[in-house]
C-alpha atoms as a PDB file:
ATOM      1  CA  MET A   1      -1.553  15.735 -18.464  1.00  0.00           C
ATOM      2  CA  PRO A   2      -3.092  13.555 -20.857  1.00  0.00           C
ATOM      3  CA  VAL A   3      -2.137   9.403 -20.112  1.00  0.00           C
ATOM      4  CA  GLU A   4      -0.921   7.020 -22.564  1.00  0.00           C
ATOM      5  CA  SER A   5      -3.679   5.064 -24.077  1.00  0.00           C
ATOM      6  CA  HIS A   6      -3.113   1.083 -24.012  1.00  0.00           C
ATOM      7  CA  THR A   7      -6.090   0.431 -24.566  1.00  0.00           C
ATOM      8  CA  SER A   8      -5.072  -1.231 -28.453  1.00  0.00           C
ATOM      9  CA  ARG A   9      -2.017  -3.122 -26.731  1.00  0.00           C
ATOM     10  CA  THR A  10      -3.709  -4.898 -23.664  1.00  0.00           C
ATOM     11  CA  PRO A  11      -6.001  -7.399 -24.496  1.00  0.00           C
ATOM     12  CA  SER A  12      -8.537  -7.621 -21.483  1.00  0.00           C
ATOM     13  CA  PRO A  13     -11.028 -10.707 -20.491  1.00  0.00           C
ATOM     14  CA  LEU A  14     -13.772  -7.537 -21.003  1.00  0.00           C
ATOM     15  CA  ASP A  15     -15.102  -6.302 -23.866  1.00  0.00           C
ATOM     16  CA  GLU A  16     -16.317  -2.361 -25.213  1.00  0.00           C
ATOM     17  CA  LEU A  17     -19.312  -2.350 -23.534  1.00  0.00           C
ATOM     18  CA  ASP A  18     -18.409  -3.647 -20.280  1.00  0.00           C
ATOM     19  CA  MET A  19     -14.792  -1.418 -20.350  1.00  0.00           C
ATOM     20  CA  LYS A  20     -17.350   1.757 -20.888  1.00  0.00           C
ATOM     21  CA  LEU A  21     -19.995   0.231 -18.034  1.00  0.00           C
ATOM     22  CA  LEU A  22     -17.151   0.265 -15.528  1.00  0.00           C
ATOM     23  CA  HIS A  23     -15.812   3.407 -16.264  1.00  0.00           C
ATOM     24  CA  ALA A  24     -19.146   5.288 -16.077  1.00  0.00           C
ATOM     25  CA  LEU A  25     -19.364   3.814 -12.541  1.00  0.00           C
ATOM     26  CA  GLU A  26     -16.136   4.953 -11.642  1.00  0.00           C
ATOM     27  CA  THR A  27     -17.397   8.174 -13.288  1.00  0.00           C
ATOM     28  CA  ASP A  28     -20.628   7.938 -11.253  1.00  0.00           C
ATOM     29  CA  GLY A  29     -21.363   5.024  -8.897  1.00  0.00           C
ATOM     30  CA  ARG A  30     -24.759   6.164  -8.105  1.00  0.00           C
ATOM     31  CA  ALA A  31     -25.731   6.972 -11.961  1.00  0.00           C
ATOM     32  CA  PRO A  32     -28.909   5.311 -12.789  1.00  0.00           C
ATOM     33  CA  PHE A  33     -29.114   2.087 -15.369  1.00  0.00           C
ATOM     34  CA  SER A  34     -31.068   4.612 -16.898  1.00  0.00           C
ATOM     35  CA  LYS A  35     -29.068   7.279 -17.408  1.00  0.00           C
ATOM     36  CA  ILE A  36     -25.444   4.595 -18.540  1.00  0.00           C
ATOM     37  CA  ALA A  37     -27.608   3.000 -20.837  1.00  0.00           C
ATOM     38  CA  ALA A  38     -28.951   6.682 -22.307  1.00  0.00           C
ATOM     39  CA  VAL A  39     -25.070   7.664 -22.637  1.00  0.00           C
ATOM     40  CA  LEU A  40     -23.800   4.180 -23.903  1.00  0.00           C
ATOM     41  CA  GLY A  41     -26.315   3.319 -26.473  1.00  0.00           C
ATOM     42  CA  VAL A  42     -28.292   0.400 -25.221  1.00  0.00           C
ATOM     43  CA  SER A  43     -30.738  -0.645 -23.237  1.00  0.00           C
ATOM     44  CA  ASP A  44     -31.417  -0.551 -19.518  1.00  0.00           C
ATOM     45  CA  GLN A  45     -31.603  -4.388 -18.880  1.00  0.00           C
ATOM     46  CA  THR A  46     -28.126  -4.869 -20.838  1.00  0.00           C
ATOM     47  CA  VAL A  47     -26.808  -2.395 -18.421  1.00  0.00           C
ATOM     48  CA  ALA A  48     -28.392  -4.325 -15.702  1.00  0.00           C
ATOM     49  CA  ARG A  49     -27.444  -7.920 -17.018  1.00  0.00           C
ATOM     50  CA  ARG A  50     -23.440  -6.465 -17.675  1.00  0.00           C
ATOM     51  CA  TYR A  51     -23.815  -4.803 -14.275  1.00  0.00           C
ATOM     52  CA  ARG A  52     -24.546  -8.780 -12.684  1.00  0.00           C
ATOM     53  CA  LYS A  53     -22.113 -10.335 -14.369  1.00  0.00           C
ATOM     54  CA  LEU A  54     -19.687  -8.259 -13.160  1.00  0.00           C
ATOM     55  CA  THR A  55     -20.829  -8.167  -9.926  1.00  0.00           C
ATOM     56  CA  ALA A  56     -21.509 -12.080  -9.561  1.00  0.00           C
ATOM     57  CA  GLU A  57     -17.668 -12.924 -11.757  1.00  0.00           C
ATOM     58  CA  GLY A  58     -15.533  -9.909 -11.347  1.00  0.00           C
ATOM     59  CA  GLY A  59     -16.193  -8.897  -7.661  1.00  0.00           C
ATOM     60  CA  LEU A  60     -17.613  -5.675  -8.802  1.00  0.00           C
ATOM     61  CA  ASN A  61     -18.606  -3.450  -5.767  1.00  0.00           C
ATOM     62  CA  VAL A  62     -20.068  -0.240  -5.160  1.00  0.00           C
ATOM     63  CA  VAL A  63     -19.252   1.723  -2.230  1.00  0.00           C
ATOM     64  CA  GLY A  64     -19.046   4.924  -0.318  1.00  0.00           C
ATOM     65  CA  VAL A  65     -15.584   5.893   0.961  1.00  0.00           C
ATOM     66  CA  ARG A  66     -14.913   8.791   3.200  1.00  0.00           C
ATOM     67  CA  ASN A  67     -12.664  11.307   1.750  1.00  0.00           C
ATOM     68  CA  ALA A  68      -9.950  11.121   4.480  1.00  0.00           C
ATOM     69  CA  GLU A  69      -8.454  14.378   2.197  1.00  0.00           C
ATOM     70  CA  ARG A  70     -11.275  16.252   2.358  1.00  0.00           C
ATOM     71  CA  LEU A  71     -12.514  15.233   6.579  1.00  0.00           C
ATOM     72  CA  GLY A  72      -8.376  15.960   7.557  1.00  0.00           C
ATOM     73  CA  THR A  73      -8.147  12.468   8.544  1.00  0.00           C
ATOM     74  CA  ASP A  74      -4.663  10.674   8.677  1.00  0.00           C
ATOM     75  CA  PHE A  75      -4.360   7.754   6.564  1.00  0.00           C
ATOM     76  CA  TRP A  76      -1.407   5.206   7.189  1.00  0.00           C
ATOM     77  CA  MET A  77       0.214   2.693   5.371  1.00  0.00           C
ATOM     78  CA  LEU A  78       1.208   0.144   7.945  1.00  0.00           C
ATOM     79  CA  ARG A  79       3.727  -2.900   6.698  1.00  0.00           C
ATOM     80  CA  LEU A  80       4.075  -5.944   8.809  1.00  0.00           C
ATOM     81  CA  ARG A  81       6.730  -8.273   8.667  1.00  0.00           C
ATOM     82  CA  CYS A  82       5.434 -11.602   9.902  1.00  0.00           C
ATOM     83  CA  THR A  83       6.034 -15.229  10.692  1.00  0.00           C
ATOM     84  CA  PRO A  84       4.839 -16.962   7.519  1.00  0.00           C
ATOM     85  CA  GLU A  85       2.357 -19.815   9.641  1.00  0.00           C
ATOM     86  CA  GLY A  86       1.127 -16.149  10.937  1.00  0.00           C
ATOM     87  CA  ALA A  87       0.607 -13.905   8.357  1.00  0.00           C
ATOM     88  CA  GLN A  88      -2.766 -14.898   6.969  1.00  0.00           C
ATOM     89  CA  THR A  89      -4.446 -15.012  10.178  1.00  0.00           C
ATOM     90  CA  ILE A  90      -2.874 -11.470  10.779  1.00  0.00           C
ATOM     91  CA  ALA A  91      -4.532 -10.355   7.558  1.00  0.00           C
ATOM     92  CA  GLY A  92      -8.012 -11.925   8.093  1.00  0.00           C
ATOM     93  CA  ALA A  93      -7.750 -10.116  11.436  1.00  0.00           C
ATOM     94  CA  LEU A  94      -6.999  -6.647  10.399  1.00  0.00           C
ATOM     95  CA  ALA A  95     -10.092  -6.738   7.106  1.00  0.00           C
ATOM     96  CA  ARG A  96     -12.024  -7.497   8.973  1.00  0.00           C
ATOM     97  CA  ARG A  97     -11.881  -3.892  10.940  1.00  0.00           C
ATOM     98  CA  PRO A  98     -13.578  -1.294   9.344  1.00  0.00           C
ATOM     99  CA  ASP A  99     -10.959   0.934   9.905  1.00  0.00           C
ATOM    100  CA  THR A 100      -9.109  -0.966   7.297  1.00  0.00           C
ATOM    101  CA  SER A 101      -8.722  -1.057   3.385  1.00  0.00           C
ATOM    102  CA  TRP A 102      -6.556  -2.913   1.062  1.00  0.00           C
ATOM    103  CA  VAL A 103      -5.199  -5.652   3.660  1.00  0.00           C
ATOM    104  CA  ALA A 104      -2.855  -7.615   1.180  1.00  0.00           C
ATOM    105  CA  LEU A 105      -0.627 -10.789   1.456  1.00  0.00           C
ATOM    106  CA  MET A 106       2.939  -9.522   0.343  1.00  0.00           C
ATOM    107  CA  SER A 107       6.825 -10.896  -0.382  1.00  0.00           C
ATOM    108  CA  GLY A 108       5.748 -14.609  -0.755  1.00  0.00           C
ATOM    109  CA  GLY A 109       3.679 -14.534   2.739  1.00  0.00           C
ATOM    110  CA  THR A 110       5.782 -13.394   4.991  1.00  0.00           C
ATOM    111  CA  GLU A 111       4.458  -9.493   5.253  1.00  0.00           C
ATOM    112  CA  VAL A 112       0.942  -7.941   5.418  1.00  0.00           C
ATOM    113  CA  THR A 113       0.216  -4.503   4.307  1.00  0.00           C
ATOM    114  CA  CYS A 114      -2.642  -2.273   5.614  1.00  0.00           C
ATOM    115  CA  LEU A 115      -4.119   0.758   4.490  1.00  0.00           C
ATOM    116  CA  THR A 116      -5.793   2.443   8.026  1.00  0.00           C
ATOM    117  CA  ARG A 117      -8.446   4.779   8.051  1.00  0.00           C
ATOM    118  CA  PRO A 118      -8.906   6.012  11.562  1.00  0.00           C
ATOM    119  CA  ARG A 119     -12.537   7.272  12.614  1.00  0.00           C
ATOM    120  CA  ARG A 120     -12.023   8.684  15.578  1.00  0.00           C
ATOM    121  CA  PRO A 121      -9.133  10.019  17.773  1.00  0.00           C
ATOM    122  CA  GLY A 122      -7.263   7.034  19.463  1.00  0.00           C
ATOM    123  CA  ASP A 123      -7.874   4.810  16.663  1.00  0.00           C
ATOM    124  CA  HIS A 124      -4.680   4.714  15.040  1.00  0.00           C
ATOM    125  CA  ASP A 125      -3.077   4.694  18.768  1.00  0.00           C
ATOM    126  CA  ASP A 126      -4.865   1.334  20.022  1.00  0.00           C
ATOM    127  CA  LEU A 127      -3.815  -0.185  16.861  1.00  0.00           C
ATOM    128  CA  LEU A 128      -0.352   1.162  16.715  1.00  0.00           C
ATOM    129  CA  LEU A 129       0.535   0.945  20.008  1.00  0.00           C
ATOM    130  CA  GLY A 130      -2.021  -1.392  22.158  1.00  0.00           C
ATOM    131  CA  LYS A 131      -3.102  -4.512  19.348  1.00  0.00           C
ATOM    132  CA  LEU A 132      -0.293  -5.343  17.296  1.00  0.00           C
ATOM    133  CA  PRO A 133       1.953  -4.790  19.585  1.00  0.00           C
ATOM    134  CA  ARG A 134       0.950  -7.629  20.933  1.00  0.00           C
ATOM    135  CA  THR A 135      -0.413  -9.837  18.557  1.00  0.00           C
ATOM    136  CA  PRO A 136       1.766 -13.048  18.585  1.00  0.00           C
ATOM    137  CA  HIS A 137       3.610 -13.377  14.408  1.00  0.00           C
ATOM    138  CA  ILE A 138       4.413 -10.384  14.379  1.00  0.00           C
ATOM    139  CA  VAL A 139       8.487  -9.726  13.800  1.00  0.00           C
ATOM    140  CA  GLU A 140       7.927  -6.036  12.807  1.00  0.00           C
ATOM    141  CA  ILE A 141       5.712  -3.409  12.464  1.00  0.00           C
ATOM    142  CA  ARG A 142       6.535  -0.347  10.056  1.00  0.00           C
ATOM    143  CA  ALA A 143       3.860   2.698   9.417  1.00  0.00           C
ATOM    144  CA  PHE A 144       4.214   5.099   6.825  1.00  0.00           C
ATOM    145  CA  GLN A 145       1.813   8.370   7.283  1.00  0.00           C
ATOM    146  CA  LEU A 146       0.511   9.499   3.654  1.00  0.00           C
ATOM    147  CA  LEU A 147       1.369  13.271   3.075  1.00  0.00           C
ATOM    148  CA  HIS A 148       0.154  13.840  -0.551  1.00  0.00           C
ATOM    149  CA  SER A 149      -2.251  12.189  -2.580  1.00  0.00           C
ATOM    150  CA  PHE A 150      -0.680  12.023  -6.412  1.00  0.00           C
ATOM    151  CA  PHE A 151      -3.427   9.553  -7.741  1.00  0.00           C
ATOM    152  CA  GLY A 152      -5.445   7.521  -5.883  1.00  0.00           C
ATOM    153  CA  GLY A 153      -9.218   7.888  -3.705  1.00  0.00           C
ATOM    154  CA  PRO A 154     -11.476   9.947  -5.884  1.00  0.00           C
ATOM    155  CA  ARG A 155      -9.472   9.643  -9.070  1.00  0.00           C
ATOM    156  CA  GLY A 156      -9.923   6.203 -10.435  1.00  0.00           C
ATOM    157  CA  TRP A 157      -7.443   3.874 -12.398  1.00  0.00           C
ATOM    158  CA  LEU A 158      -9.829   3.514 -15.159  1.00  0.00           C
ATOM    159  CA  SER A 159      -9.794   6.883 -16.511  1.00  0.00           C
ATOM    160  CA  LYS A 160      -6.615   5.517 -17.965  1.00  0.00           C
ATOM    161  CA  PHE A 161      -7.981   3.636 -20.378  1.00  0.00           C
ATOM    162  CA  ALA A 162     -10.173   6.236 -21.678  1.00  0.00           C
ATOM    163  CA  PRO A 163     -12.803   3.792 -22.187  1.00  0.00           C
ATOM    164  CA  LEU A 164     -15.051   6.407 -22.961  1.00  0.00           C
ATOM    165  CA  SER A 165     -15.412   9.078 -24.792  1.00  0.00           C
ATOM    166  CA  GLU A 166     -15.102  12.904 -23.941  1.00  0.00           C
ATOM    167  CA  ALA A 167     -18.278  13.572 -24.770  1.00  0.00           C
ATOM    168  CA  GLN A 168     -19.638  10.684 -22.667  1.00  0.00           C
ATOM    169  CA  LEU A 169     -17.384  11.019 -19.537  1.00  0.00           C
ATOM    170  CA  ALA A 170     -18.464  14.866 -19.504  1.00  0.00           C
ATOM    171  CA  ALA A 171     -22.436  13.693 -19.878  1.00  0.00           C
ATOM    172  CA  LEU A 172     -21.921  11.227 -16.682  1.00  0.00           C
ATOM    173  CA  THR A 173     -19.861  13.140 -14.945  1.00  0.00           C
ATOM    174  CA  PRO A 174     -21.595  15.142 -11.412  1.00  0.00           C
ATOM    175  CA  ARG A 175     -22.000  18.600 -11.579  1.00  0.00           C
ATOM    176  CA  LEU A 176     -20.446  19.127  -8.136  1.00  0.00           C
ATOM    177  CA  PRO A 177     -19.677  22.627  -6.852  1.00  0.00           C
ATOM    178  CA  PRO A 178     -16.058  23.781  -7.008  1.00  0.00           C
ATOM    179  CA  VAL A 179     -14.322  22.511  -3.494  1.00  0.00           C
ATOM    180  CA  THR A 180     -13.963  24.981  -0.640  1.00  0.00           C
ATOM    181  CA  GLY A 181     -10.951  25.491   1.238  1.00  0.00           C
ATOM    182  CA  ALA A 182     -12.705  24.700   4.661  1.00  0.00           C
ATOM    183  CA  PRO A 183     -12.604  21.357   5.200  1.00  0.00           C
ATOM    184  CA  ALA A 184     -15.696  18.488   5.221  1.00  0.00           C
ATOM    185  CA  ARG A 185     -17.565  17.401   7.800  1.00  0.00           C
ATOM    186  CA  ILE A 186     -19.632  14.220   8.546  1.00  0.00           C
ATOM    187  CA  ALA A 187     -22.132  14.767  11.238  1.00  0.00           C
ATOM    188  CA  PRO A 188     -22.914  12.815  14.082  1.00  0.00           C
ATOM    189  CA  GLU A 189     -26.648  12.606  12.718  1.00  0.00           C
ATOM    190  CA  ASP A 190     -24.830  11.718   9.291  1.00  0.00           C
ATOM    191  CA  GLU A 191     -22.911   8.644  10.711  1.00  0.00           C
ATOM    192  CA  ALA A 192     -26.097   5.750   9.828  1.00  0.00           C
ATOM    193  CA  LEU A 193     -25.858   6.991   5.919  1.00  0.00           C
ATOM    194  CA  VAL A 194     -22.356   7.312   5.599  1.00  0.00           C
ATOM    195  CA  THR A 195     -22.196   3.584   7.323  1.00  0.00           C
ATOM    196  CA  ALA A 196     -25.256   2.719   4.825  1.00  0.00           C
ATOM    197  CA  LEU A 197     -23.191   3.716   1.807  1.00  0.00           C
ATOM    198  CA  GLU A 198     -20.220   2.632   2.695  1.00  0.00           C
ATOM    199  CA  ALA A 199     -21.930  -0.933   2.531  1.00  0.00           C
ATOM    200  CA  ASP A 200     -24.164  -0.770  -0.750  1.00  0.00           C
ATOM    201  CA  GLY A 201     -22.791   2.794  -2.477  1.00  0.00           C
ATOM    202  CA  ARG A 202     -25.564   2.126  -5.026  1.00  0.00           C
ATOM    203  CA  ALA A 203     -28.493   2.030  -2.118  1.00  0.00           C
ATOM    204  CA  THR A 204     -31.836   3.385  -3.065  1.00  0.00           C
ATOM    205  CA  TYR A 205     -33.593   6.265  -1.008  1.00  0.00           C
ATOM    206  CA  PRO A 206     -36.031   3.798   0.230  1.00  0.00           C
ATOM    207  CA  GLU A 207     -33.164   1.662   1.083  1.00  0.00           C
ATOM    208  CA  LEU A 208     -30.903   4.630   2.957  1.00  0.00           C
ATOM    209  CA  GLN A 209     -34.604   5.869   4.759  1.00  0.00           C
ATOM    210  CA  ARG A 210     -34.972   2.466   6.150  1.00  0.00           C
ATOM    211  CA  ALA A 211     -31.110   2.224   7.718  1.00  0.00           C
ATOM    212  CA  THR A 212     -31.710   5.900   8.811  1.00  0.00           C
ATOM    213  CA  GLY A 213     -35.082   6.050  10.137  1.00  0.00           C
ATOM    214  CA  LEU A 214     -35.241   9.589   7.875  1.00  0.00           C
ATOM    215  CA  SER A 215     -37.172  11.353   5.753  1.00  0.00           C
ATOM    216  CA  GLU A 216     -36.890  10.539   1.919  1.00  0.00           C
ATOM    217  CA  SER A 217     -36.249  14.645   1.392  1.00  0.00           C
ATOM    218  CA  SER A 218     -34.095  14.600   4.393  1.00  0.00           C
ATOM    219  CA  VAL A 219     -31.536  11.433   2.839  1.00  0.00           C
ATOM    220  CA  LYS A 220     -31.519  13.321  -0.559  1.00  0.00           C
ATOM    221  CA  ARG A 221     -30.490  16.244   1.421  1.00  0.00           C
ATOM    222  CA  ARG A 222     -28.197  14.886   3.694  1.00  0.00           C
ATOM    223  CA  LEU A 223     -26.525  12.654   0.991  1.00  0.00           C
ATOM    224  CA  SER A 224     -26.406  15.752  -2.054  1.00  0.00           C
ATOM    225  CA  ALA A 225     -24.235  17.970   1.111  1.00  0.00           C
ATOM    226  CA  LEU A 226     -22.072  14.998   1.667  1.00  0.00           C
ATOM    227  CA  LEU A 227     -21.198  14.465  -1.905  1.00  0.00           C
ATOM    228  CA  GLU A 228     -21.304  18.002  -2.901  1.00  0.00           C
ATOM    229  CA  SER A 229     -18.889  18.749   0.223  1.00  0.00           C
ATOM    230  CA  ARG A 230     -16.370  15.838  -1.218  1.00  0.00           C
ATOM    231  CA  ALA A 231     -16.770  14.668   2.215  1.00  0.00           C
ATOM    232  CA  VAL A 232     -17.969  10.855   0.634  1.00  0.00           C
ATOM    233  CA  PHE A 233     -17.348   9.964  -2.302  1.00  0.00           C
ATOM    234  CA  VAL A 234     -18.747   6.593  -4.099  1.00  0.00           C
ATOM    235  CA  ASP A 235     -15.861   4.184  -5.138  1.00  0.00           C
ATOM    236  CA  VAL A 236     -15.598   0.615  -7.145  1.00  0.00           C
ATOM    237  CA  GLU A 237     -13.828  -2.457  -6.249  1.00  0.00           C
ATOM    238  CA  TYR A 238     -13.008  -5.154  -8.577  1.00  0.00           C
ATOM    239  CA  THR A 239     -10.534  -7.383  -9.609  1.00  0.00           C
ATOM    240  CA  PRO A 240      -7.670  -6.080 -11.810  1.00  0.00           C
ATOM    241  CA  GLU A 241      -7.674  -9.478 -13.810  1.00  0.00           C
ATOM    242  CA  LEU A 242     -10.972  -8.558 -15.053  1.00  0.00           C
ATOM    243  CA  LEU A 243      -8.532  -6.286 -17.192  1.00  0.00           C
ATOM    244  CA  GLY A 244      -5.850  -8.823 -18.150  1.00  0.00           C
ATOM    245  CA  TYR A 245      -3.826  -7.924 -15.114  1.00  0.00           C
ATOM    246  CA  HIS A 246      -2.559 -10.571 -13.244  1.00  0.00           C
ATOM    247  CA  VAL A 247       0.425  -9.486 -11.426  1.00  0.00           C
ATOM    248  CA  ALA A 248       0.571  -6.132  -9.207  1.00  0.00           C
ATOM    249  CA  ALA A 249       3.254  -5.071  -6.252  1.00  0.00           C
ATOM    250  CA  SER A 250       4.014  -2.329  -4.040  1.00  0.00           C
ATOM    251  CA  LEU A 251       7.006   0.118  -4.716  1.00  0.00           C
ATOM    252  CA  TRP A 252       8.227   1.788  -1.993  1.00  0.00           C
ATOM    253  CA  ILE A 253      10.517   4.513  -3.705  1.00  0.00           C
ATOM    254  CA  THR A 254      12.830   6.503  -2.223  1.00  0.00           C
ATOM    255  CA  ALA A 255      13.587  10.099  -4.453  1.00  0.00           C
ATOM    256  CA  ALA A 256      15.328  13.049  -3.694  1.00  0.00           C
ATOM    257  CA  PRO A 257      13.779  15.925  -1.296  1.00  0.00           C
ATOM    258  CA  ALA A 258      14.062  18.041  -4.424  1.00  0.00           C
ATOM    259  CA  SER A 259      12.643  15.531  -6.938  1.00  0.00           C
ATOM    260  CA  LEU A 260      10.075  14.076  -4.615  1.00  0.00           C
ATOM    261  CA  HIS A 261       6.805  16.431  -6.309  1.00  0.00           C
ATOM    262  CA  SER A 262       8.015  15.366  -9.924  1.00  0.00           C
ATOM    263  CA  VAL A 263       8.760  11.755  -9.661  1.00  0.00           C
ATOM    264  CA  GLY A 264       5.502  12.030  -7.498  1.00  0.00           C
ATOM    265  CA  GLU A 265       3.418  13.535 -10.667  1.00  0.00           C
ATOM    266  CA  ALA A 266       5.531  11.038 -13.347  1.00  0.00           C
ATOM    267  CA  LEU A 267       3.789   8.296 -11.175  1.00  0.00           C
ATOM    268  CA  ALA A 268       0.532   9.401 -11.730  1.00  0.00           C
ATOM    269  CA  SER A 269       0.755  10.095 -14.999  1.00  0.00           C
ATOM    270  CA  HIS A 270       2.060   5.986 -15.690  1.00  0.00           C
ATOM    271  CA  TYR A 271      -1.117   3.663 -16.904  1.00  0.00           C
ATOM    272  CA  GLU A 272       0.765   0.843 -14.798  1.00  0.00           C
ATOM    273  CA  ILE A 273       0.379   3.313 -11.007  1.00  0.00           C
ATOM    274  CA  ALA A 274      -2.842   2.476  -9.089  1.00  0.00           C
ATOM    275  CA  PHE A 275      -2.263   4.201  -6.694  1.00  0.00           C
ATOM    276  CA  ALA A 276       0.660   6.961  -5.514  1.00  0.00           C
ATOM    277  CA  SER A 277       1.499   8.650  -2.562  1.00  0.00           C
ATOM    278  CA  ALA A 278       4.262  10.971  -0.865  1.00  0.00           C
ATOM    279  CA  THR A 279       4.869   9.264   2.866  1.00  0.00           C
ATOM    280  CA  ALA A 280       6.493  10.012   5.862  1.00  0.00           C
ATOM    281  CA  GLY A 281       8.921   7.376   6.753  1.00  0.00           C
ATOM    282  CA  PRO A 282      12.317   5.251   5.628  1.00  0.00           C
ATOM    283  CA  SER A 283      10.896   5.812   1.883  1.00  0.00           C
ATOM    284  CA  ASN A 284       8.893   8.982   0.812  1.00  0.00           C
ATOM    285  CA  LEU A 285       6.654   7.234  -1.954  1.00  0.00           C
ATOM    286  CA  LEU A 286       4.800   4.867  -1.575  1.00  0.00           C
ATOM    287  CA  ALA A 287       2.916   3.200  -5.371  1.00  0.00           C
ATOM    288  CA  THR A 288       0.554   0.204  -6.707  1.00  0.00           C
ATOM    289  CA  VAL A 289       1.926  -1.083  -9.842  1.00  0.00           C
ATOM    290  CA  VAL A 290      -0.218  -3.215 -12.201  1.00  0.00           C
ATOM    291  CA  ALA A 291       1.031  -5.643 -14.924  1.00  0.00           C
ATOM    292  CA  ARG A 292      -0.153  -8.139 -16.844  1.00  0.00           C
ATOM    293  CA  ASP A 293       2.844 -10.307 -16.153  1.00  0.00           C
ATOM    294  CA  THR A 294       5.885 -10.645 -14.247  1.00  0.00           C
ATOM    295  CA  ALA A 295       7.904  -9.694 -17.478  1.00  0.00           C
ATOM    296  CA  GLY A 296       5.591  -6.407 -17.593  1.00  0.00           C
ATOM    297  CA  LEU A 297       6.277  -5.626 -13.878  1.00  0.00           C
ATOM    298  CA  TYR A 298       9.863  -6.279 -14.840  1.00  0.00           C
ATOM    299  CA  ALA A 299       9.465  -3.907 -18.017  1.00  0.00           C
ATOM    300  CA  TYR A 300       8.112  -1.165 -15.924  1.00  0.00           C
ATOM    301  CA  ILE A 301      10.465  -1.332 -13.346  1.00  0.00           C
ATOM    302  CA  SER A 302      13.806  -1.752 -15.215  1.00  0.00           C
ATOM    303  CA  GLY A 303      12.036   1.149 -17.741  1.00  0.00           C
ATOM    304  CA  LYS A 304       9.527   4.382 -17.183  1.00  0.00           C
ATOM    305  CA  LEU A 305      10.479   4.229 -13.184  1.00  0.00           C
ATOM    306  CA  GLY A 306      14.147   3.830 -14.006  1.00  0.00           C
ATOM    307  CA  GLN A 307      14.168   6.632 -16.302  1.00  0.00           C
ATOM    308  CA  LEU A 308      12.716   8.816 -13.573  1.00  0.00           C
ATOM    309  CA  GLU A 309      15.528  11.771 -12.529  1.00  0.00           C
ATOM    310  CA  GLY A 310      15.121  12.051  -8.936  1.00  0.00           C
ATOM    311  CA  VAL A 311      14.633   8.617  -8.038  1.00  0.00           C
ATOM    312  CA  GLN A 312      17.326   6.469  -5.674  1.00  0.00           C
ATOM    313  CA  HIS A 313      16.119   3.699  -4.096  1.00  0.00           C
ATOM    314  CA  VAL A 314      13.150   1.005  -4.896  1.00  0.00           C
ATOM    315  CA  GLU A 315      11.760  -1.241  -3.190  1.00  0.00           C
ATOM    316  CA  THR A 316       9.563  -4.010  -4.564  1.00  0.00           C
ATOM    317  CA  ALA A 317       7.465  -6.266  -2.992  1.00  0.00           C
ATOM    318  CA  PRO A 318       4.848  -8.404  -5.102  1.00  0.00           C
ATOM    319  CA  PHE A 319       1.112  -9.104  -4.096  1.00  0.00           C
ATOM    320  CA  LEU A 320       0.190 -13.043  -3.004  1.00  0.00           C
ATOM    321  CA  ARG A 321      -2.862 -12.342  -2.268  1.00  0.00           C
ATOM    322  CA  ARG A 322      -5.551  -9.572  -1.473  1.00  0.00           C
ATOM    323  CA  VAL A 323      -7.246  -9.929   1.195  1.00  0.00           C
ATOM    324  CA  LYS A 324      -9.509  -6.671   1.658  1.00  0.00           C
ATOM    325  CA  GLN A 325     -10.006  -3.349  -1.134  1.00  0.00           C
ATOM    326  CA  LEU A 326     -12.413  -1.211   0.209  1.00  0.00           C
ATOM    327  CA  THR A 327     -14.827  -4.223   1.609  1.00  0.00           C
ATOM    328  CA  TYR A 328     -14.107  -7.790   3.070  1.00  0.00           C
ATOM    329  CA  ARG A 329     -15.520 -10.762   1.977  1.00  0.00           C
ATOM    330  CA  GLN A 330     -14.426 -13.856   3.381  1.00  0.00           C
ATOM    331  CA  SER A 331     -15.604 -16.047   0.592  1.00  0.00           C
ATOM    332  CA  ARG A 332     -12.901 -14.483  -1.426  1.00  0.00           C
END
């Protein structure tokens, strides 16, 4: 479904080249600067300089991510209602765990949300049934299993801005074989390689060699296999404020069962939506909405979202502070 273009009416602190570079990295996070430069029609040095600036000033980070959909791993979104004095400590502790992402303080600092990415059987039970119930200052725990992804993961938000032309996008899109029906797998001997990619999705082959102890040919072969099977994909994180969006919120949506899929598909087509998934739990859809300001958030909720047929109830939880996206940086 074509997505409404809004570049012309949404001013961004970034210029056109920065936007194209971000979209290029979202399309292929491991693309050499020389290839990106050739597609964008600039020098390698220009791309490298812009990349360093975005990394230093905009929180840009390129990382490998385990693909839960292809690996058959359950994802859960946790909502933790906390006492105000404990929320920040709890969010920080969750952010430091390797099996979490998208940790945020919400609702004026009285709630923490967290996406869990269990790596081994029992990790989820250990967190939900062991550690969290014994944590002081947690008043309530609600867990939502993610059932079906409508937008997010390998599908990046910047694609909705369409800064790259169709020809540029085609030139940068990796040529991967079709996905087979069989689930993907990360072999035990590939764990060191995946861990290195999770730390730096653009790590060079020599760096991956040192991290794994493998030969360069083995690193190339195993990395190609992981990417082609979609067991792992390379993603980018950055601050949405870079694009002029200063307000974000989680939307917990209840849709009529017969309308669940159509509402999810409609959410995925809205440029304001950075993530959308069907869930099991008190509500059956979860979405992340981004807006330039509070007025923009209200306009979306009362406009596009409010007009969707089948939506029965919406709970809006504004972000107070992002503690972790894909990686945790304590200095933030």
